[in-house]
Amino acid sequence: MTLLMISGGLITLWVVILLVRAALYRPLSAEVYPVQRSVDSTSPDVSYEEAACHLAELVSCRTVIPKSENGGGKEDEGGYEQYKKFRSLLKKFYPLIHSNLDLELVNEHSLLYRWVGQGSEKPLVLLAHYDVVPAFKEQWKHPPFDGVIVEGVIWGRGTLDTKGTLCGICEAVEGMLIKGFKPARDIYFAFGHDEETMGAGAPGIVEILKNRDVYPELVLDEGGAIIQGVFPGVDRPIAVIGLAEKGIVDIEVVLEGSGGHSSTPGRINPLSEMSKIILRLDKNPFRSYLPGEVKEMFAVIGRHMPFTFRIIFANMWCFQPLLTTILPLLGRELNALCRSTCVFTMVEGSKASNVIPDRVRAVANLRLAAIDPLDEALKHITEQAFAASQKARKAREPLKLKVSLLHGHNASASSSTASAAYQTLKQTISESFRDTIVSPYIMLGATDSRHYCAICDNVFRFSPIRMNKEELHSIHGVDERITVEKLGGIVDFYRTLIGKF
């Protein structure tokens, strides 16, 4: 009886502790930052309507990396003459930038500007890229490369990813130059030309900066945006800053065996066996876990959730094993945040419906979490593929299996929320977008910023744009667009950030 009483008392105490911690787990005192800008963001030297016209013309440049060696020019490829047109428009729209800042071309098309400040130690580096993915006008409400402005909305490929960002940076800097502003330290603007194809532009720029002993205080690239309605019970907009990004790997799986005419199939079909491999990998995903960045994210956002959720997030010491299991089941994004992912995106068999392929090739695209380095990921895929094809490889007419790494890279290093650089970025967001919760997270896609981890400890990924789900899905999709008002918000954000340097 005494043992039962003690056990009951301990359970009661445990429940009380959970509830008290949840009750105290409220939003921190509002961080009201005094506006301390070196340049008045309300000054009339930047017209947002004119900025929209500039962006529309920049969008009309079909800066799609050409597939052909000589620079292409096909309608669905773009061509390097479009890159030259884009750069000529930058000179036309922003004459003070091009007369006051140093500029050099890197790998023929990437742009590196240097705005010389009063000192060169610990500069600021702002990134964007001006290449875009292909788009086909038949699918769009307004042609993707016409630069159409309708009722305060700029339509076109690149408005969000990331010509809009590039335009906003340039508009901010041109306006500050008009007012005679000079930064306290050097500022670099690195505009890549081949981010979408993971090309050599950004690595080339980083190599130049490294050779010149340029080690930035802060590097800011595209990434998380300002979102709303994503987390249960949280009505306020949330600005998510990527502290790190997942790695990307393409792995090829090939099965070879006897094919032949479909009228006389054998007992082993390479295409059927490849299906078994794909299904096995679907059913045996990578291990789930709670990355430090995700814990930090919930440490911020969890305070704004309803009480039931706060019981969990206020007591991570108790519920972490449960969260590790449950979170991946609650949605695609949460699953991707909590583990490496693997999805087969390409399968090739025969080219005729009446021919059994003697060679089947499939390609899996993996997004790697920090706990799964490249070699371990390849080992996981290889083991599962060999296990799924064991019988086929030992059959009378055996299949041959080959698993190969095509290309890829590990997850990036992670930047700290405790750094002064993060606090400056957080303050800038809070000043620019009032009533916004600022939270860290992990970037699921790849950006040029990963290369800058070699020269900077404070590499962050944030796009200063309020986006709804439809706008988020338009990136690399159909009907990509941005409003004039949101473009103005980009200009104001960069003006404020630059003013702090």
Protein backbone atom coordinates (compact mmCIF):
# COMPACT_ATOMS: atom_id res chain seq x y z
CA MET A 1 0.00 0.00 0.00
CA THR A 2 2.82 2.35 0.89
CA LEU A 3 4.53 1.57 -2.43
CA LEU A 4 1.32 2.37 -4.31
CA MET A 5 0.96 5.65 -2.44
CA ILE A 6 4.55 6.62 -3.23
CA SER A 7 4.11 5.69 -6.89
CA GLY A 8 0.86 7.65 -7.07
CA GLY A 9 2.51 10.64 -5.44
CA LEU A 10 5.42 10.56 -7.87
CA ILE A 11 3.07 10.33 -10.85
CA THR A 12 1.04 13.25 -9.49
CA LEU A 13 4.22 15.27 -8.98
CA TRP A 14 5.35 14.42 -12.51
CA VAL A 15 2.03 15.58 -13.99
CA VAL A 16 2.13 18.79 -11.93
CA ILE A 17 5.65 19.53 -13.15
CA LEU A 18 4.57 19.02 -16.76
CA LEU A 19 1.55 21.29 -16.37
CA VAL A 20 3.41 24.03 -14.49
CA ARG A 21 6.20 24.10 -17.05
CA ALA A 22 3.59 24.31 -19.82
CA ALA A 23 1.79 27.15 -18.05
CA LEU A 24 5.05 29.09 -17.75
CA TYR A 25 6.03 28.27 -21.32
CA ARG A 26 4.66 31.47 -22.81
CA PRO A 27 6.05 33.84 -25.46
CA LEU A 28 9.02 35.77 -24.17
CA SER A 29 8.59 39.44 -23.47
CA ALA A 30 8.01 41.22 -26.75
CA GLU A 31 11.32 42.25 -28.25
CA VAL A 32 10.70 45.82 -29.30
CA TYR A 33 13.70 47.02 -31.21
CA PRO A 34 14.23 50.75 -31.52
CA VAL A 35 14.54 51.77 -35.14
CA GLN A 36 18.17 52.81 -35.59
CA ARG A 37 18.64 53.13 -39.32
CA SER A 38 21.40 55.09 -40.91
CA VAL A 39 19.13 55.79 -43.87
CA ASP A 40 15.47 56.75 -43.72
CA SER A 41 13.58 53.90 -45.37
CA THR A 42 10.62 56.17 -46.08
CA SER A 43 12.67 58.58 -48.18
CA PRO A 44 11.32 59.08 -51.71
CA ASP A 45 14.53 58.11 -53.53
CA VAL A 46 13.09 54.66 -54.38
CA SER A 47 9.82 54.39 -56.27
CA TYR A 48 8.32 50.94 -55.79
CA GLU A 49 6.38 51.30 -59.04
CA GLU A 50 9.62 52.04 -60.88
CA ALA A 51 11.28 49.13 -59.09
CA ALA A 52 8.43 46.90 -60.32
CA CYS A 53 9.05 48.05 -63.90
CA HIS A 54 12.74 47.27 -63.48
CA LEU A 55 11.95 43.78 -62.18
CA ALA A 56 9.51 43.16 -65.03
CA GLU A 57 12.22 43.92 -67.58
CA LEU A 58 14.73 41.73 -65.73
CA VAL A 59 12.21 38.89 -65.72
CA SER A 60 11.87 39.22 -69.49
CA CYS A 61 15.49 38.03 -69.82
CA ARG A 62 15.26 34.26 -70.28
CA THR A 63 18.27 33.45 -68.13
CA VAL A 64 17.90 29.67 -68.24
CA ILE A 65 21.22 27.83 -68.32
CA PRO A 66 21.44 26.48 -71.88
CA LYS A 67 21.89 22.76 -72.36
CA SER A 68 24.02 23.08 -75.48
CA GLU A 69 27.72 23.77 -75.36
CA ASN A 70 27.64 26.91 -77.49
CA GLY A 71 25.16 28.84 -75.38
CA GLY A 72 21.96 27.68 -76.96
CA GLY A 73 19.21 30.09 -77.80
CA LYS A 74 16.28 27.68 -78.06
CA GLU A 75 13.02 28.98 -76.65
CA ASP A 76 13.02 26.56 -73.71
CA GLU A 77 16.74 27.01 -72.96
CA GLY A 78 17.39 30.71 -72.95
CA GLY A 79 20.96 31.48 -73.95
CA TYR A 80 23.99 33.37 -72.73
CA GLU A 81 23.01 36.38 -74.82
CA GLN A 82 20.10 36.67 -72.37
CA TYR A 83 22.60 36.86 -69.53
CA LYS A 84 24.38 39.72 -71.27
CA LYS A 85 21.06 41.48 -71.76
CA PHE A 86 20.31 41.08 -68.06
CA ARG A 87 23.65 42.60 -67.06
CA SER A 88 23.20 45.51 -69.46
CA LEU A 89 19.82 46.24 -67.87
CA LEU A 90 21.44 46.29 -64.42
CA LYS A 91 23.87 48.96 -65.65
CA LYS A 92 21.02 50.94 -67.14
CA PHE A 93 18.76 50.80 -64.07
CA TYR A 94 21.46 51.25 -61.44
CA PRO A 95 24.09 53.69 -62.75
CA LEU A 96 25.38 54.74 -59.31
CA ILE A 97 26.05 51.14 -58.33
CA HIS A 98 28.10 50.65 -61.47
CA SER A 99 30.03 53.89 -61.06
CA ASN A 100 30.70 53.58 -57.32
CA LEU A 101 31.12 49.86 -56.66
CA ASP A 102 33.84 47.54 -57.89
CA LEU A 103 32.51 44.82 -60.20
CA GLU A 104 34.06 41.70 -61.62
CA LEU A 105 32.71 38.79 -63.61
CA VAL A 106 33.39 35.34 -62.21
CA ASN A 107 33.29 32.33 -64.51
CA GLU A 108 32.10 34.65 -67.28
CA HIS A 109 28.62 35.38 -65.91
CA SER A 110 28.46 35.52 -62.11
CA LEU A 111 28.64 39.01 -60.62
CA LEU A 112 30.70 40.08 -57.61
CA TYR A 113 30.25 43.69 -56.45
CA ARG A 114 32.26 45.29 -53.67
CA TRP A 115 30.97 48.38 -51.89
CA VAL A 116 34.02 49.79 -50.12
CA GLY A 117 33.18 50.86 -46.60
CA GLN A 118 35.06 52.68 -43.88
CA GLY A 119 36.70 49.38 -42.91
CA SER A 120 37.25 46.01 -44.55
CA GLU A 121 37.06 43.71 -41.52
CA LYS A 122 34.12 41.30 -41.22
CA PRO A 123 32.09 42.46 -44.23
CA LEU A 124 28.48 41.71 -45.09
CA VAL A 125 27.80 39.47 -48.10
CA LEU A 126 24.35 39.42 -49.72
CA LEU A 127 23.56 36.68 -52.22
CA ALA A 128 21.06 36.19 -55.02
CA HIS A 129 21.09 34.37 -58.34
CA TYR A 130 19.72 35.51 -61.65
CA ASP A 131 19.42 32.19 -63.46
CA VAL A 132 15.98 30.58 -63.46
CA VAL A 133 14.43 27.21 -64.20
CA PRO A 134 12.54 26.71 -67.47
CA ALA A 135 8.88 27.66 -67.81
CA PHE A 136 6.37 27.11 -70.60
CA LYS A 137 3.85 29.79 -71.44
CA GLU A 138 1.03 27.34 -72.25
CA GLN A 139 0.68 26.59 -68.53
CA TRP A 140 0.76 30.17 -67.26
CA LYS A 141 -1.94 32.78 -66.80
CA HIS A 142 0.56 35.35 -68.12
CA PRO A 143 3.62 34.32 -70.19
CA PRO A 144 6.52 33.63 -67.82
CA PHE A 145 9.08 35.72 -69.70
CA ASP A 146 6.94 38.67 -70.81
CA GLY A 147 7.43 40.72 -67.64
CA VAL A 148 3.72 41.47 -67.24
CA ILE A 149 2.44 43.79 -64.50
CA VAL A 150 -1.30 43.49 -63.85
CA GLU A 151 -3.15 45.19 -61.00
CA GLY A 152 -0.07 45.61 -58.83
CA VAL A 153 1.34 42.13 -59.47
CA ILE A 154 4.55 41.35 -61.39
CA TRP A 155 4.23 37.99 -63.16
CA GLY A 156 7.10 35.86 -64.37
CA ARG A 157 9.74 33.25 -63.74
CA GLY A 158 12.24 34.49 -61.18
CA THR A 159 10.08 37.09 -59.46
CA LEU A 160 10.46 35.08 -56.24
CA ASP A 161 13.47 32.90 -57.10
CA THR A 162 15.48 35.18 -56.98
CA LYS A 163 15.40 38.13 -59.38
CA GLY A 164 12.99 39.85 -57.00
CA THR A 165 15.60 39.63 -54.23
CA LEU A 166 18.36 40.81 -56.54
CA CYS A 167 16.23 43.72 -57.72
CA GLY A 168 15.36 44.65 -54.12
CA ILE A 169 19.04 44.71 -53.13
CA CYS A 170 19.97 46.90 -56.08
CA GLU A 171 17.05 49.30 -55.53
CA ALA A 172 18.04 49.69 -51.88
CA VAL A 173 21.72 50.30 -52.65
CA GLU A 174 21.02 52.73 -55.52
CA GLY A 175 18.74 54.75 -53.23
CA MET A 176 21.33 54.81 -50.46
CA LEU A 177 24.00 55.96 -52.91
CA ILE A 178 21.72 58.81 -53.99
CA LYS A 179 21.72 59.98 -50.36
CA GLY A 180 25.52 59.67 -50.13
CA PHE A 181 25.47 56.77 -47.68
CA LYS A 182 28.73 54.92 -47.04
CA PRO A 183 28.72 51.70 -45.00
CA ALA A 184 30.90 51.30 -41.93
CA ARG A 185 32.46 48.18 -43.43
CA ASP A 186 32.74 46.58 -46.86
CA ILE A 187 29.64 45.01 -48.35
CA TYR A 188 29.73 42.42 -51.13
CA PHE A 189 26.90 41.50 -53.47
CA ALA A 190 27.36 38.09 -55.06
CA PHE A 191 24.87 37.31 -57.83
CA GLY A 192 25.36 33.79 -59.19
CA HIS A 193 24.46 32.72 -62.70
CA ASP A 194 24.10 28.93 -62.32
CA GLU A 195 22.59 28.21 -58.91
CA GLU A 196 19.75 26.16 -60.37
CA THR A 197 22.21 23.72 -61.92
CA MET A 198 24.59 23.72 -58.92
CA GLY A 199 27.26 25.20 -61.15
CA ALA A 200 30.64 26.86 -60.70
CA GLY A 201 29.58 30.48 -60.16
CA ALA A 202 29.28 30.50 -56.36
CA PRO A 203 32.32 28.25 -55.73
CA GLY A 204 34.33 30.59 -57.97
CA ILE A 205 33.28 33.65 -55.98
CA VAL A 206 34.08 31.94 -52.67
CA GLU A 207 37.52 30.97 -53.94
CA ILE A 208 38.22 34.60 -54.88
CA LEU A 209 37.11 35.89 -51.46
CA LYS A 210 39.12 33.22 -49.68
CA ASN A 211 42.26 34.04 -51.64
CA ARG A 212 41.80 37.70 -50.65
CA ASP A 213 41.35 36.80 -46.97
CA VAL A 214 37.77 38.02 -46.94
CA TYR A 215 35.97 36.40 -44.02
CA PRO A 216 32.47 37.83 -43.67
CA GLU A 217 30.60 38.57 -40.47
CA LEU A 218 27.31 37.59 -42.12
CA VAL A 219 26.30 35.88 -45.34
CA LEU A 220 22.62 36.03 -46.30
CA ASP A 221 21.04 34.05 -49.13
CA GLU A 222 17.58 32.95 -50.20
CA GLY A 223 15.79 30.50 -47.95
CA GLY A 224 12.97 30.62 -45.46
CA ALA A 225 10.27 33.22 -45.95
CA ILE A 226 7.51 34.77 -43.83
CA ILE A 227 4.75 32.19 -43.60
CA GLN A 228 1.42 31.95 -41.82
CA GLY A 229 -1.10 29.24 -40.92
CA VAL A 230 1.45 26.42 -40.93
CA PHE A 231 1.66 25.62 -37.21
CA PRO A 232 -1.51 24.73 -35.28
CA GLY A 233 -2.90 27.52 -33.17
CA VAL A 234 -0.30 30.09 -34.28
CA ASP A 235 -1.98 33.00 -36.04
CA ARG A 236 0.97 35.39 -36.24
CA PRO A 237 3.29 35.30 -39.27
CA ILE A 238 6.54 33.41 -38.75
CA ALA A 239 9.84 34.37 -40.36
CA VAL A 240 11.93 31.22 -40.63
CA ILE A 241 15.71 31.55 -40.98
CA GLY A 242 17.65 28.60 -42.33
CA LEU A 243 20.65 27.87 -40.11
CA ALA A 244 21.76 25.01 -42.35
CA GLU A 245 20.63 23.13 -45.41
CA LYS A 246 20.35 19.44 -46.19
CA GLY A 247 22.71 17.71 -48.56
CA ILE A 248 21.70 16.48 -52.00
CA VAL A 249 22.67 13.17 -53.61
CA ASP A 250 21.63 11.38 -56.79
CA ILE A 251 22.15 7.61 -56.70
CA GLU A 252 21.77 5.34 -59.73
CA VAL A 253 20.49 1.77 -59.48
CA VAL A 254 20.91 -0.47 -62.53
CA LEU A 255 19.61 -4.01 -63.10
CA GLU A 256 20.80 -5.99 -66.12
CA GLY A 257 19.55 -9.36 -67.31
CA SER A 258 17.81 -11.15 -70.13
CA GLY A 259 15.09 -9.22 -71.92
CA GLY A 260 13.35 -10.28 -75.06
CA HIS A 261 9.93 -10.21 -76.64
CA SER A 262 6.97 -9.58 -74.37
CA SER A 263 5.16 -12.60 -75.84
CA THR A 264 7.61 -14.96 -74.11
CA PRO A 265 8.44 -13.46 -70.73
CA GLY A 266 10.83 -15.16 -68.37
CA ARG A 267 10.35 -15.76 -64.67
CA ILE A 268 12.54 -12.77 -63.81
CA ASN A 269 11.72 -9.35 -65.24
CA PRO A 270 14.28 -6.57 -64.56
CA LEU A 271 11.53 -3.96 -64.38
CA SER A 272 9.55 -5.95 -61.81
CA GLU A 273 12.68 -6.50 -59.73
CA MET A 274 13.46 -2.77 -59.85
CA SER A 275 9.95 -2.13 -58.52
CA LYS A 276 10.75 -4.37 -55.55
CA ILE A 277 13.88 -2.34 -54.83
CA ILE A 278 11.94 0.93 -54.97
CA LEU A 279 9.17 -0.38 -52.72
CA ARG A 280 11.66 -1.76 -50.19
CA LEU A 281 13.37 1.60 -49.91
CA ASP A 282 9.99 3.30 -49.49
CA LYS A 283 9.22 0.95 -46.60
CA ASN A 284 12.66 1.28 -45.00
CA PRO A 285 13.34 5.01 -44.72
CA PHE A 286 16.30 6.60 -43.00
CA ARG A 287 16.14 6.87 -39.20
CA SER A 288 14.25 9.83 -37.78
CA TYR A 289 15.69 12.18 -35.17
CA LEU A 290 15.28 15.71 -33.81
CA PRO A 291 18.01 17.98 -35.18
CA GLY A 292 19.20 20.81 -32.96
CA GLU A 293 17.76 23.35 -35.40
CA VAL A 294 14.31 21.75 -35.13
CA LYS A 295 14.50 21.80 -31.32
CA GLU A 296 15.36 25.49 -31.48
CA MET A 297 12.47 26.08 -33.88
CA PHE A 298 9.97 24.52 -31.50
CA ALA A 299 11.57 26.30 -28.56
CA VAL A 300 10.46 29.52 -30.27
CA ILE A 301 7.21 28.56 -32.00
CA GLY A 302 6.06 26.14 -29.29
CA ARG A 303 5.58 29.05 -26.89
CA HIS A 304 2.91 30.47 -29.20
CA MET A 305 0.93 27.23 -29.54
CA PRO A 306 -2.19 26.17 -27.60
CA PHE A 307 -1.72 24.72 -24.11
CA THR A 308 -1.91 21.07 -25.20
CA PHE A 309 1.06 21.53 -27.53
CA ARG A 310 2.95 23.57 -24.92
CA ILE A 311 2.81 20.61 -22.54
CA ILE A 312 4.90 18.72 -25.09
CA PHE A 313 7.32 21.43 -26.20
CA ALA A 314 7.89 22.77 -22.69
CA ASN A 315 8.95 19.28 -21.64
CA MET A 316 11.19 18.11 -24.44
CA TRP A 317 13.30 16.29 -21.85
CA CYS A 318 10.35 13.95 -21.43
CA PHE A 319 8.67 13.83 -24.83
CA GLN A 320 11.60 13.88 -27.25
CA PRO A 321 11.45 10.12 -28.02
CA LEU A 322 7.73 10.44 -28.69
CA LEU A 323 8.22 13.50 -30.92
CA THR A 324 10.95 11.74 -32.87
CA THR A 325 8.38 9.08 -33.78
CA ILE A 326 5.28 11.24 -34.24
CA LEU A 327 6.53 14.37 -36.04
CA PRO A 328 7.50 12.56 -39.27
CA LEU A 329 3.92 11.24 -39.46
CA LEU A 330 2.31 14.69 -39.29
CA GLY A 331 3.23 15.96 -42.74
CA ARG A 332 5.71 15.99 -45.58
CA GLU A 333 7.63 19.03 -44.35
CA LEU A 334 7.97 17.76 -40.79
CA ASN A 335 9.08 14.36 -42.07
CA ALA A 336 11.75 16.04 -44.21
CA LEU A 337 12.93 18.12 -41.26
CA CYS A 338 13.42 15.03 -39.10
CA ARG A 339 15.28 12.62 -41.38
CA SER A 340 17.08 12.10 -44.65
CA THR A 341 14.65 11.44 -47.47
CA CYS A 342 14.92 9.22 -50.54
CA VAL A 343 12.60 9.28 -53.52
CA PHE A 344 13.00 7.65 -56.93
CA THR A 345 12.34 10.24 -59.61
CA MET A 346 13.51 8.53 -62.82
CA VAL A 347 13.04 5.01 -64.22
CA GLU A 348 14.16 3.87 -67.68
CA GLY A 349 13.29 0.57 -69.31
CA SER A 350 12.71 -0.40 -72.92
CA LYS A 351 11.51 2.04 -75.55
CA ALA A 352 8.77 -0.22 -76.91
CA SER A 353 5.69 -1.68 -75.27
CA ASN A 354 6.38 -5.18 -76.62
CA VAL A 355 10.01 -5.40 -75.53
CA ILE A 356 11.14 -6.64 -72.10
CA PRO A 357 14.09 -4.47 -71.10
CA ASP A 358 17.42 -6.15 -70.58
CA ARG A 359 18.58 -3.10 -68.65
CA VAL A 360 16.55 -1.03 -66.19
CA ARG A 361 17.92 2.15 -64.69
CA ALA A 362 16.43 4.13 -61.81
CA VAL A 363 17.67 7.29 -60.13
CA ALA A 364 16.94 8.20 -56.52
CA ASN A 365 17.22 11.76 -55.24
CA LEU A 366 18.22 11.99 -51.58
CA ARG A 367 18.15 14.98 -49.26
CA LEU A 368 20.63 14.23 -46.51
CA ALA A 369 20.32 15.20 -42.87
CA ALA A 370 23.49 16.04 -40.98
CA ILE A 371 23.56 12.61 -39.27
CA ASP A 372 23.67 10.79 -42.61
CA PRO A 373 26.91 11.52 -44.47
CA LEU A 374 27.20 10.65 -48.13
CA ASP A 375 29.02 7.36 -47.71
CA GLU A 376 26.51 6.12 -45.13
CA ALA A 377 23.60 7.07 -47.37
CA LEU A 378 25.10 5.17 -50.29
CA LYS A 379 25.64 2.18 -47.99
CA HIS A 380 21.97 2.26 -46.90
CA ILE A 381 20.68 2.35 -50.50
CA THR A 382 23.09 -0.39 -51.56
CA GLU A 383 22.16 -2.73 -48.70
CA GLN A 384 18.43 -2.32 -49.31
CA ALA A 385 18.80 -2.79 -53.07
CA PHE A 386 20.85 -5.98 -52.68
CA ALA A 387 18.41 -7.35 -50.11
CA ALA A 388 15.39 -6.68 -52.34
CA SER A 389 17.04 -8.29 -55.39
CA GLN A 390 18.59 -11.28 -53.65
CA LYS A 391 16.45 -13.94 -55.31
CA ALA A 392 16.73 -12.34 -58.75
CA ARG A 393 20.52 -12.26 -58.46
CA LYS A 394 20.61 -15.98 -57.61
CA ALA A 395 18.10 -17.13 -60.22
CA ARG A 396 18.91 -19.50 -63.10
CA GLU A 397 19.23 -16.44 -65.34
CA PRO A 398 20.53 -14.03 -62.72
CA LEU A 399 20.27 -10.28 -62.86
CA LYS A 400 23.28 -8.07 -62.23
CA LEU A 401 22.86 -5.16 -59.81
CA LYS A 402 24.97 -2.02 -59.68
CA VAL A 403 24.47 0.93 -57.32
CA SER A 404 26.45 4.09 -58.08
CA LEU A 405 26.79 7.59 -56.72
CA LEU A 406 26.21 10.07 -59.53
CA HIS A 407 26.93 13.29 -57.66
CA GLY A 408 26.09 15.02 -54.43
CA HIS A 409 27.25 16.75 -51.28
CA ASN A 410 26.72 16.48 -47.55
CA ALA A 411 24.54 18.71 -45.41
CA SER A 412 26.05 22.12 -44.75
CA ALA A 413 27.52 23.32 -41.50
CA SER A 414 25.02 24.90 -39.11
CA SER A 415 25.18 28.52 -37.94
CA SER A 416 24.44 29.60 -34.39
CA THR A 417 21.45 31.60 -33.17
CA ALA A 418 23.67 32.88 -30.34
CA SER A 419 25.87 34.87 -32.74
CA ALA A 420 25.72 38.64 -33.02
CA ALA A 421 25.09 38.20 -36.76
CA TYR A 422 21.92 36.19 -36.13
CA GLN A 423 20.69 38.74 -33.61
CA THR A 424 21.27 41.55 -36.13
CA LEU A 425 19.32 39.64 -38.76
CA LYS A 426 16.55 38.87 -36.28
CA GLN A 427 16.35 42.52 -35.28
CA THR A 428 16.18 43.61 -38.91
CA ILE A 429 13.31 41.23 -39.60
CA SER A 430 11.44 42.41 -36.51
CA GLU A 431 11.85 46.03 -37.55
CA SER A 432 10.87 45.41 -41.16
CA PHE A 433 7.94 43.05 -40.55
CA ARG A 434 6.15 43.99 -37.35
CA ASP A 435 4.32 41.39 -35.25
CA THR A 436 6.38 38.59 -36.80
CA ILE A 437 7.78 35.63 -34.87
CA VAL A 438 11.39 34.99 -35.90
CA SER A 439 12.46 31.36 -35.74
CA PRO A 440 15.37 29.19 -36.91
CA TYR A 441 14.85 26.10 -39.05
CA ILE A 442 16.60 23.78 -41.53
CA MET A 443 16.53 24.64 -45.22
CA LEU A 444 15.29 21.59 -47.12
CA GLY A 445 16.49 22.72 -50.55
CA ALA A 446 19.97 23.64 -51.76
CA THR A 447 21.31 27.16 -52.25
CA ASP A 448 24.58 28.80 -53.22
CA SER A 449 25.09 29.70 -49.56
CA ARG A 450 26.50 26.28 -48.64
CA HIS A 451 29.75 27.17 -50.40
CA TYR A 452 30.21 30.22 -48.15
CA CYS A 453 30.45 28.04 -45.04
CA ALA A 454 34.12 27.69 -46.00
CA ILE A 455 34.75 31.37 -45.20
CA CYS A 456 32.00 32.32 -42.75
CA ASP A 457 30.50 30.85 -39.58
CA ASN A 458 27.30 32.90 -39.88
CA VAL A 459 25.59 31.79 -43.08
CA PHE A 460 21.82 32.27 -43.03
CA ARG A 461 19.03 31.62 -45.50
CA PHE A 462 16.07 33.99 -45.47
CA SER A 463 13.96 35.63 -48.18
CA PRO A 464 12.27 38.81 -46.91
CA ILE A 465 8.92 38.05 -48.53
CA ARG A 466 5.52 37.24 -47.06
CA MET A 467 4.38 34.11 -48.92
CA ASN A 468 1.19 32.08 -48.81
CA LYS A 469 1.07 28.41 -49.81
CA GLU A 470 0.12 29.22 -53.39
CA GLU A 471 3.08 31.55 -53.79
CA LEU A 472 5.44 29.00 -52.23
CA HIS A 473 4.26 26.36 -54.69
CA SER A 474 4.77 28.74 -57.64
CA ILE A 475 8.54 28.67 -57.08
CA HIS A 476 9.78 26.29 -59.80
CA GLY A 477 6.08 25.90 -60.59
CA VAL A 478 3.40 27.77 -62.52
CA ASP A 479 2.33 31.43 -62.21
CA GLU A 480 5.27 32.64 -60.14
CA ARG A 481 4.62 36.27 -59.17
CA ILE A 482 5.15 38.99 -56.57
CA THR A 483 3.15 42.09 -55.69
CA VAL A 484 4.60 45.57 -55.93
CA GLU A 485 3.97 45.95 -52.19
CA LYS A 486 6.02 42.84 -51.36
CA LEU A 487 8.81 44.00 -53.65
CA GLY A 488 8.82 47.25 -51.68
CA GLY A 489 9.14 45.19 -48.50
CA ILE A 490 12.28 43.55 -49.91
CA VAL A 491 13.78 46.98 -50.65
CA ASP A 492 13.03 48.23 -47.13
CA PHE A 493 14.44 45.10 -45.52
CA TYR A 494 17.79 45.34 -47.30
CA ARG A 495 18.01 49.06 -46.70
CA THR A 496 17.55 48.41 -42.96
CA LEU A 497 20.06 45.55 -42.88
CA ILE A 498 22.70 47.46 -44.84
CA GLY A 499 22.15 50.46 -42.56
CA LYS A 500 23.31 48.33 -39.61
CA PHE A 501 26.66 47.74 -41.30
